[in-house]
Amino acid sequence: MALHHCPECRRKISQAAKLCPHCGFSFHETDLARYRQLLEQRSLANQEINRRSVKLHLVWLAVFAAVIGLASWWHHY
């Protein structure tokens, strides 16, 4: 009997199972297609969050560099 992980709860279950006995996830083809679509939506949302995070980090890096530059310039004079 081969085992694999349920994509929803990550517990090991039989490959012959039609439903996960732990969380009830259905392995019917339409449910799997819906689950893949949900994963794609989550992936796109995570990409957008990462893009915003990178922009925010770059802004803070520029502010930090400007403060260090001004402090260095101020110290010289």
PDB file of N, CA and C in Angstrom:
ATOM      1  N   MET A   1       0.846  -1.178   0.000  1.00  0.00           N
ATOM      2  CA  MET A   1       0.000   0.000   0.000  1.00  0.00           C
ATOM      3  C   MET A   1       0.891   1.241   0.000  1.00  0.00           C
ATOM      4  N   ALA A   2       0.791   2.026  -1.037  1.00  0.00           N
ATOM      5  CA  ALA A   2       1.596   3.239  -1.162  1.00  0.00           C
ATOM      6  C   ALA A   2       0.910   4.392  -0.431  1.00  0.00           C
ATOM      7  N   LEU A   3       1.719   5.235   0.174  1.00  0.00           N
ATOM      8  CA  LEU A   3       1.215   6.389   0.903  1.00  0.00           C
ATOM      9  C   LEU A   3       1.680   7.671   0.225  1.00  0.00           C
ATOM     10  N   HIS A   4       0.890   8.691   0.366  1.00  0.00           N
ATOM     11  CA  HIS A   4       1.285  10.032  -0.084  1.00  0.00           C
ATOM     12  C   HIS A   4       0.699  11.033   0.894  1.00  0.00           C
ATOM     13  N   HIS A   5       1.096  12.286   0.766  1.00  0.00           N
ATOM     14  CA  HIS A   5       0.636  13.325   1.677  1.00  0.00           C
ATOM     15  C   HIS A   5      -0.625  13.980   1.134  1.00  0.00           C
ATOM     16  N   CYS A   6      -1.558  14.247   2.027  1.00  0.00           N
ATOM     17  CA  CYS A   6      -2.748  15.015   1.670  1.00  0.00           C
ATOM     18  C   CYS A   6      -2.301  16.455   1.428  1.00  0.00           C
ATOM     19  N   PRO A   7      -2.715  17.079   0.323  1.00  0.00           N
ATOM     20  CA  PRO A   7      -2.279  18.453   0.055  1.00  0.00           C
ATOM     21  C   PRO A   7      -2.857  19.472   1.042  1.00  0.00           C
ATOM     22  N   GLU A   8      -3.927  19.118   1.718  1.00  0.00           N
ATOM     23  CA  GLU A   8      -4.560  20.061   2.641  1.00  0.00           C
ATOM     24  C   GLU A   8      -3.963  19.980   4.052  1.00  0.00           C
ATOM     25  N   CYS A   9      -3.917  18.790   4.632  1.00  0.00           N
ATOM     26  CA  CYS A   9      -3.453  18.662   6.020  1.00  0.00           C
ATOM     27  C   CYS A   9      -2.040  18.089   6.132  1.00  0.00           C
ATOM     28  N   ARG A  10      -1.465  17.650   5.024  1.00  0.00           N
ATOM     29  CA  ARG A  10      -0.086  17.131   4.934  1.00  0.00           C
ATOM     30  C   ARG A  10       0.135  15.821   5.687  1.00  0.00           C
ATOM     31  N   ARG A  11      -0.917  15.120   6.083  1.00  0.00           N
ATOM     32  CA  ARG A  11      -0.763  13.822   6.741  1.00  0.00           C
ATOM     33  C   ARG A  11      -0.674  12.737   5.688  1.00  0.00           C
ATOM     34  N   LYS A  12      -0.037  11.621   6.042  1.00  0.00           N
ATOM     35  CA  LYS A  12       0.103  10.509   5.108  1.00  0.00           C
ATOM     36  C   LYS A  12      -1.199   9.722   5.041  1.00  0.00           C
ATOM     37  N   ILE A  13      -1.595   9.444   3.805  1.00  0.00           N
ATOM     38  CA  ILE A  13      -2.798   8.649   3.567  1.00  0.00           C
ATOM     39  C   ILE A  13      -2.532   7.705   2.403  1.00  0.00           C
ATOM     40  N   SER A  14      -3.393   6.735   2.231  1.00  0.00           N
ATOM     41  CA  SER A  14      -3.288   5.777   1.136  1.00  0.00           C
ATOM     42  C   SER A  14      -3.536   6.472  -0.198  1.00  0.00           C
ATOM     43  N   GLN A  15      -2.815   6.031  -1.226  1.00  0.00           N
ATOM     44  CA  GLN A  15      -3.053   6.598  -2.558  1.00  0.00           C
ATOM     45  C   GLN A  15      -4.403   6.179  -3.117  1.00  0.00           C
ATOM     46  N   ALA A  16      -4.982   5.130  -2.583  1.00  0.00           N
ATOM     47  CA  ALA A  16      -6.281   4.660  -3.053  1.00  0.00           C
ATOM     48  C   ALA A  16      -7.443   5.424  -2.417  1.00  0.00           C
ATOM     49  N   ALA A  17      -7.180   6.239  -1.423  1.00  0.00           N
ATOM     50  CA  ALA A  17      -8.245   6.964  -0.715  1.00  0.00           C
ATOM     51  C   ALA A  17      -8.893   7.996  -1.626  1.00  0.00           C
ATOM     52  N   LYS A  18     -10.207   8.089  -1.537  1.00  0.00           N
ATOM     53  CA  LYS A  18     -10.961   9.097  -2.292  1.00  0.00           C
ATOM     54  C   LYS A  18     -11.131  10.374  -1.474  1.00  0.00           C
ATOM     55  N   LEU A  19     -11.094  10.248  -0.156  1.00  0.00           N
ATOM     56  CA  LEU A  19     -11.184  11.373   0.771  1.00  0.00           C
ATOM     57  C   LEU A  19     -10.100  11.201   1.823  1.00  0.00           C
ATOM     58  N   CYS A  20      -9.571  12.298   2.299  1.00  0.00           N
ATOM     59  CA  CYS A  20      -8.615  12.242   3.401  1.00  0.00           C
ATOM     60  C   CYS A  20      -9.399  11.922   4.672  1.00  0.00           C
ATOM     61  N   PRO A  21      -9.007  10.887   5.399  1.00  0.00           N
ATOM     62  CA  PRO A  21      -9.742  10.549   6.626  1.00  0.00           C
ATOM     63  C   PRO A  21      -9.510  11.559   7.752  1.00  0.00           C
ATOM     64  N   HIS A  22      -8.509  12.403   7.621  1.00  0.00           N
ATOM     65  CA  HIS A  22      -8.184  13.363   8.670  1.00  0.00           C
ATOM     66  C   HIS A  22      -8.907  14.693   8.483  1.00  0.00           C
ATOM     67  N   CYS A  23      -8.896  15.225   7.271  1.00  0.00           N
ATOM     68  CA  CYS A  23      -9.481  16.556   7.042  1.00  0.00           C
ATOM     69  C   CYS A  23     -10.663  16.537   6.078  1.00  0.00           C
ATOM     70  N   GLY A  24     -10.886  15.421   5.386  1.00  0.00           N
ATOM     71  CA  GLY A  24     -12.011  15.331   4.467  1.00  0.00           C
ATOM     72  C   GLY A  24     -11.738  15.856   3.071  1.00  0.00           C
ATOM     73  N   PHE A  25     -10.471  16.170   2.766  1.00  0.00           N
ATOM     74  CA  PHE A  25     -10.132  16.662   1.437  1.00  0.00           C
ATOM     75  C   PHE A  25     -10.511  15.618   0.394  1.00  0.00           C
ATOM     76  N   SER A  26     -11.192  16.046  -0.666  1.00  0.00           N
ATOM     77  CA  SER A  26     -11.660  15.147  -1.716  1.00  0.00           C
ATOM     78  C   SER A  26     -10.629  15.079  -2.843  1.00  0.00           C
ATOM     79  N   PHE A  27     -10.339  13.875  -3.292  1.00  0.00           N
ATOM     80  CA  PHE A  27      -9.405  13.679  -4.400  1.00  0.00           C
ATOM     81  C   PHE A  27     -10.130  13.508  -5.730  1.00  0.00           C
ATOM     82  N   HIS A  28     -11.394  13.904  -5.784  1.00  0.00           N
ATOM     83  CA  HIS A  28     -12.147  13.881  -7.031  1.00  0.00           C
ATOM     84  C   HIS A  28     -11.526  14.916  -7.972  1.00  0.00           C
ATOM     85  N   GLU A  29     -11.528  14.643  -9.261  1.00  0.00           N
ATOM     86  CA  GLU A  29     -10.830  15.492 -10.236  1.00  0.00           C
ATOM     87  C   GLU A  29     -11.307  16.946 -10.212  1.00  0.00           C
ATOM     88  N   THR A  30     -12.612  17.181 -10.058  1.00  0.00           N
ATOM     89  CA  THR A  30     -13.103  18.570 -10.018  1.00  0.00           C
ATOM     90  C   THR A  30     -12.609  19.289  -8.766  1.00  0.00           C
ATOM     91  N   ASP A  31     -12.551  18.574  -7.636  1.00  0.00           N
ATOM     92  CA  ASP A  31     -12.051  19.180  -6.403  1.00  0.00           C
ATOM     93  C   ASP A  31     -10.554  19.469  -6.508  1.00  0.00           C
ATOM     94  N   LEU A  32      -9.818  18.588  -7.155  1.00  0.00           N
ATOM     95  CA  LEU A  32      -8.387  18.826  -7.352  1.00  0.00           C
ATOM     96  C   LEU A  32      -8.153  20.033  -8.256  1.00  0.00           C
ATOM     97  N   ALA A  33      -8.978  20.188  -9.298  1.00  0.00           N
ATOM     98  CA  ALA A  33      -8.848  21.345 -10.188  1.00  0.00           C
ATOM     99  C   ALA A  33      -9.145  22.634  -9.429  1.00  0.00           C
ATOM    100  N   ARG A  34     -10.156  22.618  -8.575  1.00  0.00           N
ATOM    101  CA  ARG A  34     -10.494  23.782  -7.761  1.00  0.00           C
ATOM    102  C   ARG A  34      -9.353  24.100  -6.788  1.00  0.00           C
ATOM    103  N   TYR A  35      -8.746  23.066  -6.220  1.00  0.00           N
ATOM    104  CA  TYR A  35      -7.628  23.245  -5.293  1.00  0.00           C
ATOM    105  C   TYR A  35      -6.417  23.844  -6.015  1.00  0.00           C
ATOM    106  N   ARG A  36      -6.139  23.371  -7.232  1.00  0.00           N
ATOM    107  CA  ARG A  36      -5.025  23.930  -8.025  1.00  0.00           C
ATOM    108  C   ARG A  36      -5.274  25.403  -8.339  1.00  0.00           C
ATOM    109  N   GLN A  37      -6.515  25.755  -8.640  1.00  0.00           N
ATOM    110  CA  GLN A  37      -6.864  27.146  -8.924  1.00  0.00           C
ATOM    111  C   GLN A  37      -6.664  28.002  -7.671  1.00  0.00           C
ATOM    112  N   LEU A  38      -7.048  27.484  -6.519  1.00  0.00           N
ATOM    113  CA  LEU A  38      -6.850  28.198  -5.265  1.00  0.00           C
ATOM    114  C   LEU A  38      -5.362  28.400  -4.985  1.00  0.00           C
ATOM    115  N   LEU A  39      -4.555  27.376  -5.246  1.00  0.00           N
ATOM    116  CA  LEU A  39      -3.112  27.500  -5.057  1.00  0.00           C
ATOM    117  C   LEU A  39      -2.524  28.564  -5.981  1.00  0.00           C
ATOM    118  N   GLU A  40      -3.016  28.631  -7.210  1.00  0.00           N
ATOM    119  CA  GLU A  40      -2.538  29.643  -8.158  1.00  0.00           C
ATOM    120  C   GLU A  40      -2.901  31.043  -7.667  1.00  0.00           C
ATOM    121  N   GLN A  41      -4.111  31.214  -7.143  1.00  0.00           N
ATOM    122  CA  GLN A  41      -4.526  32.513  -6.610  1.00  0.00           C
ATOM    123  C   GLN A  41      -3.662  32.910  -5.418  1.00  0.00           C
ATOM    124  N   ARG A  42      -3.377  31.952  -4.537  1.00  0.00           N
ATOM    125  CA  ARG A  42      -2.515  32.225  -3.378  1.00  0.00           C
ATOM    126  C   ARG A  42      -1.111  32.609  -3.833  1.00  0.00           C
ATOM    127  N   SER A  43      -0.623  31.928  -4.853  1.00  0.00           N
ATOM    128  CA  SER A  43       0.713  32.219  -5.365  1.00  0.00           C
ATOM    129  C   SER A  43       0.780  33.635  -5.918  1.00  0.00           C
ATOM    130  N   LEU A  44      -0.235  34.041  -6.676  1.00  0.00           N
ATOM    131  CA  LEU A  44      -0.270  35.394  -7.225  1.00  0.00           C
ATOM    132  C   LEU A  44      -0.366  36.442  -6.112  1.00  0.00           C
ATOM    133  N   ALA A  45      -1.158  36.155  -5.095  1.00  0.00           N
ATOM    134  CA  ALA A  45      -1.277  37.082  -3.963  1.00  0.00           C
ATOM    135  C   ALA A  45       0.056  37.198  -3.234  1.00  0.00           C
ATOM    136  N   ASN A  46       0.750  36.077  -3.050  1.00  0.00           N
ATOM    137  CA  ASN A  46       2.052  36.109  -2.390  1.00  0.00           C
ATOM    138  C   ASN A  46       3.080  36.867  -3.220  1.00  0.00           C
ATOM    139  N   GLN A  47       3.031  36.736  -4.535  1.00  0.00           N
ATOM    140  CA  GLN A  47       3.949  37.477  -5.395  1.00  0.00           C
ATOM    141  C   GLN A  47       3.725  38.976  -5.248  1.00  0.00           C
ATOM    142  N   GLU A  48       2.473  39.397  -5.171  1.00  0.00           N
ATOM    143  CA  GLU A  48       2.160  40.821  -4.997  1.00  0.00           C
ATOM    144  C   GLU A  48       2.654  41.321  -3.641  1.00  0.00           C
ATOM    145  N   ILE A  49       2.463  40.530  -2.606  1.00  0.00           N
ATOM    146  CA  ILE A  49       2.955  40.901  -1.276  1.00  0.00           C
ATOM    147  C   ILE A  49       4.470  41.034  -1.290  1.00  0.00           C
ATOM    148  N   ASN A  50       5.144  40.100  -1.932  1.00  0.00           N
ATOM    149  CA  ASN A  50       6.605  40.153  -2.016  1.00  0.00           C
ATOM    150  C   ASN A  50       7.070  41.379  -2.794  1.00  0.00           C
ATOM    151  N   ARG A  51       6.372  41.718  -3.859  1.00  0.00           N
ATOM    152  CA  ARG A  51       6.737  42.885  -4.666  1.00  0.00           C
ATOM    153  C   ARG A  51       6.606  44.170  -3.825  1.00  0.00           C
ATOM    154  N   ARG A  52       5.526  44.270  -3.078  1.00  0.00           N
ATOM    155  CA  ARG A  52       5.329  45.442  -2.214  1.00  0.00           C
ATOM    156  C   ARG A  52       6.387  45.481  -1.114  1.00  0.00           C
ATOM    157  N   SER A  53       6.709  44.335  -0.576  1.00  0.00           N
ATOM    158  CA  SER A  53       7.709  44.266   0.487  1.00  0.00           C
ATOM    159  C   SER A  53       9.071  44.724  -0.012  1.00  0.00           C
ATOM    160  N   VAL A  54       9.445  44.322  -1.208  1.00  0.00           N
ATOM    161  CA  VAL A  54      10.726  44.725  -1.775  1.00  0.00           C
ATOM    162  C   VAL A  54      10.761  46.237  -1.963  1.00  0.00           C
ATOM    163  N   LYS A  55       9.676  46.806  -2.466  1.00  0.00           N
ATOM    164  CA  LYS A  55       9.613  48.259  -2.653  1.00  0.00           C
ATOM    165  C   LYS A  55       9.762  48.977  -1.318  1.00  0.00           C
ATOM    166  N   LEU A  56       9.075  48.498  -0.293  1.00  0.00           N
ATOM    167  CA  LEU A  56       9.157  49.113   1.021  1.00  0.00           C
ATOM    168  C   LEU A  56      10.578  49.018   1.582  1.00  0.00           C
ATOM    169  N   HIS A  57      11.225  47.868   1.417  1.00  0.00           N
ATOM    170  CA  HIS A  57      12.597  47.709   1.887  1.00  0.00           C
ATOM    171  C   HIS A  57      13.549  48.654   1.154  1.00  0.00           C
ATOM    172  N   LEU A  58      13.348  48.834  -0.132  1.00  0.00           N
ATOM    173  CA  LEU A  58      14.200  49.751  -0.891  1.00  0.00           C
ATOM    174  C   LEU A  58      14.009  51.199  -0.444  1.00  0.00           C
ATOM    175  N   VAL A  59      12.779  51.578  -0.132  1.00  0.00           N
ATOM    176  CA  VAL A  59      12.522  52.929   0.361  1.00  0.00           C
ATOM    177  C   VAL A  59      13.235  53.132   1.696  1.00  0.00           C
ATOM    178  N   TRP A  60      13.121  52.168   2.605  1.00  0.00           N
ATOM    179  CA  TRP A  60      13.787  52.289   3.902  1.00  0.00           C
ATOM    180  C   TRP A  60      15.304  52.291   3.756  1.00  0.00           C
ATOM    181  N   LEU A  61      15.822  51.527   2.820  1.00  0.00           N
ATOM    182  CA  LEU A  61      17.264  51.539   2.564  1.00  0.00           C
ATOM    183  C   LEU A  61      17.709  52.914   2.080  1.00  0.00           C
ATOM    184  N   ALA A  62      16.933  53.537   1.198  1.00  0.00           N
ATOM    185  CA  ALA A  62      17.266  54.874   0.704  1.00  0.00           C
ATOM    186  C   ALA A  62      17.214  55.901   1.832  1.00  0.00           C
ATOM    187  N   VAL A  63      16.212  55.812   2.690  1.00  0.00           N
ATOM    188  CA  VAL A  63      16.106  56.730   3.830  1.00  0.00           C
ATOM    189  C   VAL A  63      17.301  56.545   4.763  1.00  0.00           C
ATOM    190  N   PHE A  64      17.640  55.304   5.054  1.00  0.00           N
ATOM    191  CA  PHE A  64      18.775  55.015   5.927  1.00  0.00           C
ATOM    192  C   PHE A  64      20.074  55.544   5.331  1.00  0.00           C
ATOM    193  N   ALA A  65      20.276  55.317   4.040  1.00  0.00           N
ATOM    194  CA  ALA A  65      21.493  55.803   3.377  1.00  0.00           C
ATOM    195  C   ALA A  65      21.542  57.324   3.400  1.00  0.00           C
ATOM    196  N   ALA A  66      20.394  57.989   3.207  1.00  0.00           N
ATOM    197  CA  ALA A  66      20.356  59.451   3.247  1.00  0.00           C
ATOM    198  C   ALA A  66      20.700  59.968   4.637  1.00  0.00           C
ATOM    199  N   VAL A  67      20.177  59.324   5.669  1.00  0.00           N
ATOM    200  CA  VAL A  67      20.472  59.744   7.042  1.00  0.00           C
ATOM    201  C   VAL A  67      21.949  59.552   7.349  1.00  0.00           C
ATOM    202  N   ILE A  68      22.521  58.434   6.956  1.00  0.00           N
ATOM    203  CA  ILE A  68      23.950  58.182   7.172  1.00  0.00           C
ATOM    204  C   ILE A  68      24.783  59.204   6.397  1.00  0.00           C
ATOM    205  N   GLY A  69      24.391  59.486   5.173  1.00  0.00           N
ATOM    206  CA  GLY A  69      25.108  60.473   4.358  1.00  0.00           C
ATOM    207  C   GLY A  69      25.057  61.860   4.973  1.00  0.00           C
ATOM    208  N   LEU A  70      23.881  62.269   5.436  1.00  0.00           N
ATOM    209  CA  LEU A  70      23.744  63.583   6.073  1.00  0.00           C
ATOM    210  C   LEU A  70      24.539  63.653   7.375  1.00  0.00           C
ATOM    211  N   ALA A  71      24.507  62.574   8.145  1.00  0.00           N
ATOM    212  CA  ALA A  71      25.266  62.554   9.397  1.00  0.00           C
ATOM    213  C   ALA A  71      26.757  62.639   9.116  1.00  0.00           C
ATOM    214  N   SER A  72      27.204  61.960   8.093  1.00  0.00           N
ATOM    215  CA  SER A  72      28.620  62.004   7.724  1.00  0.00           C
ATOM    216  C   SER A  72      28.999  63.401   7.236  1.00  0.00           C
ATOM    217  N   TRP A  73      28.158  63.997   6.423  1.00  0.00           N
ATOM    218  CA  TRP A  73      28.418  65.348   5.903  1.00  0.00           C
ATOM    219  C   TRP A  73      28.425  66.354   7.056  1.00  0.00           C
ATOM    220  N   TRP A  74      27.458  66.230   7.982  1.00  0.00           N
ATOM    221  CA  TRP A  74      27.337  67.127   9.113  1.00  0.00           C
ATOM    222  C   TRP A  74      28.561  67.028  10.021  1.00  0.00           C
ATOM    223  N   HIS A  75      29.087  65.832  10.197  1.00  0.00           N
ATOM    224  CA  HIS A  75      30.246  65.596  11.062  1.00  0.00           C
ATOM    225  C   HIS A  75      31.503  66.259  10.503  1.00  0.00           C
ATOM    226  N   HIS A  76      31.618  66.348   9.179  1.00  0.00           N
ATOM    227  CA  HIS A  76      32.783  66.967   8.546  1.00  0.00           C
ATOM    228  C   HIS A  76      32.824  68.480   8.742  1.00  0.00           C
ATOM    229  N   TYR A  77      31.668  69.104   8.865  1.00  0.00           N
ATOM    230  CA  TYR A  77      31.630  70.563   8.938  1.00  0.00           C
ATOM    231  C   TYR A  77      31.361  71.031  10.309  1.00  0.00           C
TER     232      TYR A  77
END
